[in-house]
Amino acid sequence: MTIFERSSGGVQATTAGRHFLRTARSILEQMDSLVDSTHHAGCGEAGRLSVGFYHIDLSREFTGNAGGLPKAVLSNDICLKKVRGCV
C-alpha cells in the first residue's frame, strides 16, 4: 500500500495516506488525553466528589449537656465520626 507519492513537485499523500494521517493524528490526541488523565488521577485531581450539607434547626430545645448543644448537633457529630471511622 502506498501512502505517499513522490514527484518532481514534492511529496503528496495518497487517499490511503490521508486516511492514515487522520487516524494517526486521532490516536496521538487520544494518547495525549490518556497521559493527562492518568497524571491527574495519580495526583488525586480526578474523580468524583459529592458534597452535601445538613441543616440543623437551632430553635430546638437545648439538652443541658455537652456544653448546651442542641440534640441535633450531638447526633450529627456522632454520625460524622462514624463516617470518618472515629467511633
N, C-alpha and C. Protein backbone atom coordinates (compact mmCIF):
# COMPACT_ATOMS: atom_id res chain seq x y z
N MET A 1 0.85 -1.16 0.00
CA MET A 1 0.00 0.00 0.00
C MET A 1 0.90 1.24 0.00
N THR A 2 0.57 2.16 -0.84
CA THR A 2 1.33 3.40 -0.96
C THR A 2 0.59 4.51 -0.23
N ILE A 3 1.30 5.18 0.69
CA ILE A 3 0.63 6.27 1.41
C ILE A 3 1.15 7.64 0.99
N PHE A 4 2.31 7.65 0.32
CA PHE A 4 2.86 8.90 -0.21
C PHE A 4 3.30 8.68 -1.65
N GLU A 5 3.15 9.71 -2.46
CA GLU A 5 3.64 9.68 -3.84
C GLU A 5 4.66 10.79 -3.99
N ARG A 6 5.79 10.44 -4.57
CA ARG A 6 6.86 11.41 -4.78
C ARG A 6 6.87 11.80 -6.25
N SER A 7 7.02 13.09 -6.47
CA SER A 7 7.13 13.58 -7.85
C SER A 7 8.14 14.73 -7.85
N SER A 8 8.36 15.28 -9.00
CA SER A 8 9.31 16.39 -9.09
C SER A 8 8.77 17.61 -8.33
N GLY A 9 7.47 17.66 -8.12
CA GLY A 9 6.86 18.77 -7.40
C GLY A 9 6.86 18.59 -5.89
N GLY A 10 7.28 17.43 -5.41
CA GLY A 10 7.32 17.19 -3.97
C GLY A 10 6.66 15.87 -3.60
N VAL A 11 6.24 15.78 -2.36
CA VAL A 11 5.61 14.57 -1.84
C VAL A 11 4.17 14.89 -1.47
N GLN A 12 3.26 13.99 -1.87
CA GLN A 12 1.85 14.16 -1.53
C GLN A 12 1.31 12.86 -0.99
N ALA A 13 0.37 12.98 -0.07
CA ALA A 13 -0.28 11.79 0.48
C ALA A 13 -1.31 11.27 -0.52
N THR A 14 -1.38 9.95 -0.62
CA THR A 14 -2.41 9.31 -1.44
C THR A 14 -3.71 9.32 -0.63
N THR A 15 -4.77 8.81 -1.20
CA THR A 15 -6.03 8.69 -0.47
C THR A 15 -5.84 7.84 0.77
N ALA A 16 -5.13 6.73 0.62
CA ALA A 16 -4.83 5.87 1.77
C ALA A 16 -3.94 6.61 2.77
N GLY A 17 -3.02 7.40 2.27
CA GLY A 17 -2.12 8.17 3.14
C GLY A 17 -2.87 9.22 3.94
N ARG A 18 -3.85 9.90 3.32
CA ARG A 18 -4.66 10.88 4.05
C ARG A 18 -5.48 10.21 5.15
N HIS A 19 -6.02 9.05 4.83
CA HIS A 19 -6.76 8.29 5.84
C HIS A 19 -5.83 7.88 6.99
N PHE A 20 -4.65 7.41 6.63
CA PHE A 20 -3.65 7.02 7.62
C PHE A 20 -3.30 8.20 8.53
N LEU A 21 -3.06 9.37 7.95
CA LEU A 21 -2.68 10.55 8.72
C LEU A 21 -3.80 11.00 9.66
N ARG A 22 -5.06 10.97 9.19
CA ARG A 22 -6.21 11.34 10.05
C ARG A 22 -6.29 10.41 11.25
N THR A 23 -6.15 9.11 10.98
CA THR A 23 -6.24 8.12 12.05
C THR A 23 -5.06 8.25 13.02
N ALA A 24 -3.87 8.47 12.47
CA ALA A 24 -2.68 8.62 13.31
C ALA A 24 -2.80 9.85 14.21
N ARG A 25 -3.30 10.96 13.67
CA ARG A 25 -3.49 12.17 14.49
C ARG A 25 -4.49 11.92 15.60
N SER A 26 -5.56 11.22 15.28
CA SER A 26 -6.58 10.90 16.29
C SER A 26 -5.99 10.03 17.41
N ILE A 27 -5.20 9.05 17.02
CA ILE A 27 -4.57 8.17 18.02
C ILE A 27 -3.62 8.97 18.91
N LEU A 28 -2.84 9.87 18.32
CA LEU A 28 -1.90 10.69 19.10
C LEU A 28 -2.64 11.62 20.06
N GLU A 29 -3.77 12.19 19.62
CA GLU A 29 -4.58 13.04 20.51
C GLU A 29 -5.13 12.22 21.67
N GLN A 30 -5.59 11.00 21.37
CA GLN A 30 -6.11 10.12 22.43
C GLN A 30 -5.01 9.74 23.41
N MET A 31 -3.81 9.49 22.91
CA MET A 31 -2.68 9.16 23.78
C MET A 31 -2.35 10.35 24.70
N ASP A 32 -2.35 11.56 24.14
CA ASP A 32 -2.11 12.75 24.96
C ASP A 32 -3.17 12.87 26.06
N SER A 33 -4.41 12.65 25.69
CA SER A 33 -5.51 12.71 26.66
C SER A 33 -5.34 11.63 27.73
N LEU A 34 -4.95 10.43 27.32
CA LEU A 34 -4.73 9.33 28.26
C LEU A 34 -3.62 9.67 29.25
N VAL A 35 -2.53 10.23 28.76
CA VAL A 35 -1.42 10.60 29.63
C VAL A 35 -1.87 11.68 30.62
N ASP A 36 -2.58 12.70 30.13
CA ASP A 36 -3.06 13.78 31.01
C ASP A 36 -4.01 13.25 32.07
N SER A 37 -4.99 12.45 31.67
CA SER A 37 -5.97 11.95 32.65
C SER A 37 -5.33 11.00 33.65
N THR A 38 -4.36 10.22 33.22
CA THR A 38 -3.65 9.33 34.14
C THR A 38 -2.83 10.14 35.13
N HIS A 39 -2.19 11.18 34.66
CA HIS A 39 -1.42 12.06 35.54
C HIS A 39 -2.33 12.69 36.58
N HIS A 40 -3.48 13.23 36.14
CA HIS A 40 -4.42 13.87 37.08
C HIS A 40 -4.96 12.86 38.09
N ALA A 41 -5.25 11.66 37.65
CA ALA A 41 -5.75 10.63 38.57
C ALA A 41 -4.67 10.26 39.59
N GLY A 42 -3.44 10.19 39.14
CA GLY A 42 -2.33 9.86 40.04
C GLY A 42 -2.06 10.93 41.07
N CYS A 43 -2.42 12.17 40.74
CA CYS A 43 -2.22 13.29 41.67
C CYS A 43 -3.46 13.53 42.53
N GLY A 44 -4.47 12.70 42.35
CA GLY A 44 -5.70 12.88 43.12
C GLY A 44 -6.56 14.03 42.61
N GLU A 45 -6.33 14.45 41.39
CA GLU A 45 -7.07 15.57 40.82
C GLU A 45 -8.24 15.13 39.96
N ALA A 46 -8.47 13.83 39.89
CA ALA A 46 -9.56 13.33 39.06
C ALA A 46 -10.45 12.46 39.92
N GLY A 47 -11.67 12.34 39.53
CA GLY A 47 -12.59 11.51 40.26
C GLY A 47 -13.87 12.26 40.52
N ARG A 48 -14.64 11.74 41.43
CA ARG A 48 -15.94 12.32 41.72
C ARG A 48 -15.99 12.73 43.17
N LEU A 49 -16.50 13.92 43.41
CA LEU A 49 -16.65 14.43 44.76
C LEU A 49 -18.10 14.86 44.93
N SER A 50 -18.75 14.29 45.91
CA SER A 50 -20.11 14.68 46.23
C SER A 50 -20.08 15.48 47.51
N VAL A 51 -20.73 16.62 47.48
CA VAL A 51 -20.77 17.49 48.65
C VAL A 51 -22.22 17.69 49.03
N GLY A 52 -22.48 17.57 50.29
CA GLY A 52 -23.83 17.79 50.79
C GLY A 52 -23.77 18.62 52.05
N PHE A 53 -24.92 18.92 52.59
CA PHE A 53 -24.97 19.66 53.84
C PHE A 53 -26.13 19.15 54.67
N TYR A 54 -26.05 19.43 55.93
CA TYR A 54 -27.07 19.01 56.87
C TYR A 54 -27.54 20.26 57.59
N HIS A 55 -28.82 20.54 57.49
CA HIS A 55 -29.38 21.73 58.13
C HIS A 55 -29.79 21.38 59.56
N ILE A 56 -29.34 22.19 60.50
CA ILE A 56 -29.69 21.98 61.90
C ILE A 56 -30.63 23.10 62.32
N ASP A 57 -31.77 22.72 62.83
CA ASP A 57 -32.75 23.68 63.32
C ASP A 57 -32.32 24.12 64.72
N LEU A 58 -31.76 25.31 64.83
CA LEU A 58 -31.23 25.79 66.10
C LEU A 58 -32.33 26.23 67.07
N SER A 59 -33.58 26.19 66.65
CA SER A 59 -34.66 26.56 67.56
C SER A 59 -35.06 25.41 68.46
N ARG A 60 -34.46 24.22 68.26
CA ARG A 60 -34.78 23.08 69.12
C ARG A 60 -34.32 23.34 70.55
N GLU A 61 -34.88 22.60 71.47
CA GLU A 61 -34.50 22.76 72.88
C GLU A 61 -33.09 22.27 73.11
N PHE A 62 -32.41 22.94 74.03
CA PHE A 62 -31.07 22.52 74.40
C PHE A 62 -31.17 21.38 75.41
N THR A 63 -30.20 20.49 75.35
CA THR A 63 -30.23 19.31 76.23
C THR A 63 -29.64 19.61 77.61
N GLY A 64 -28.84 20.63 77.72
CA GLY A 64 -28.22 20.94 79.00
C GLY A 64 -26.91 20.19 79.21
N ASN A 65 -26.56 19.24 78.33
CA ASN A 65 -25.29 18.52 78.45
C ASN A 65 -24.39 18.91 77.31
N ALA A 66 -23.18 18.48 77.36
CA ALA A 66 -22.18 18.74 76.30
C ALA A 66 -22.11 20.22 75.96
N GLY A 67 -22.11 21.05 76.99
CA GLY A 67 -21.97 22.48 76.75
C GLY A 67 -23.22 23.13 76.23
N GLY A 68 -24.37 22.48 76.39
CA GLY A 68 -25.63 23.06 75.97
C GLY A 68 -25.89 22.99 74.48
N LEU A 69 -25.30 22.04 73.81
CA LEU A 69 -25.52 21.90 72.37
C LEU A 69 -26.87 21.25 72.10
N PRO A 70 -27.54 21.64 71.03
CA PRO A 70 -28.81 21.00 70.68
C PRO A 70 -28.61 19.51 70.39
N LYS A 71 -29.66 18.74 70.59
CA LYS A 71 -29.61 17.30 70.32
C LYS A 71 -29.17 17.03 68.88
N ALA A 72 -29.65 17.86 67.95
CA ALA A 72 -29.31 17.66 66.54
C ALA A 72 -27.81 17.76 66.32
N VAL A 73 -27.14 18.68 66.99
CA VAL A 73 -25.70 18.84 66.82
C VAL A 73 -24.97 17.63 67.37
N LEU A 74 -25.40 17.13 68.53
CA LEU A 74 -24.76 15.97 69.13
C LEU A 74 -24.90 14.75 68.24
N SER A 75 -26.10 14.50 67.73
CA SER A 75 -26.30 13.31 66.90
C SER A 75 -25.58 13.44 65.57
N ASN A 76 -25.53 14.63 65.00
CA ASN A 76 -24.82 14.85 63.74
C ASN A 76 -23.33 14.62 63.92
N ASP A 77 -22.77 15.07 65.05
CA ASP A 77 -21.36 14.87 65.33
C ASP A 77 -21.02 13.39 65.42
N ILE A 78 -21.89 12.61 66.05
CA ILE A 78 -21.69 11.16 66.16
C ILE A 78 -21.72 10.52 64.78
N CYS A 79 -22.67 10.95 63.94
CA CYS A 79 -22.76 10.41 62.58
C CYS A 79 -21.49 10.70 61.78
N LEU A 80 -20.99 11.93 61.89
CA LEU A 80 -19.76 12.27 61.18
C LEU A 80 -18.58 11.43 61.65
N LYS A 81 -18.50 11.19 62.95
CA LYS A 81 -17.41 10.37 63.46
C LYS A 81 -17.54 8.94 62.96
N LYS A 82 -18.75 8.42 62.82
CA LYS A 82 -18.94 7.07 62.28
C LYS A 82 -18.49 7.02 60.83
N VAL A 83 -18.84 8.04 60.06
CA VAL A 83 -18.44 8.09 58.65
C VAL A 83 -16.92 8.13 58.53
N ARG A 84 -16.28 8.89 59.40
CA ARG A 84 -14.83 9.02 59.35
C ARG A 84 -14.13 7.84 59.99
N GLY A 85 -14.88 6.93 60.64
CA GLY A 85 -14.29 5.77 61.27
C GLY A 85 -13.74 6.06 62.66
N CYS A 86 -14.21 7.14 63.27
CA CYS A 86 -13.70 7.55 64.59
C CYS A 86 -14.47 6.89 65.73
N VAL A 87 -15.61 6.30 65.46
CA VAL A 87 -16.41 5.69 66.53
C VAL A 87 -16.33 4.18 66.41
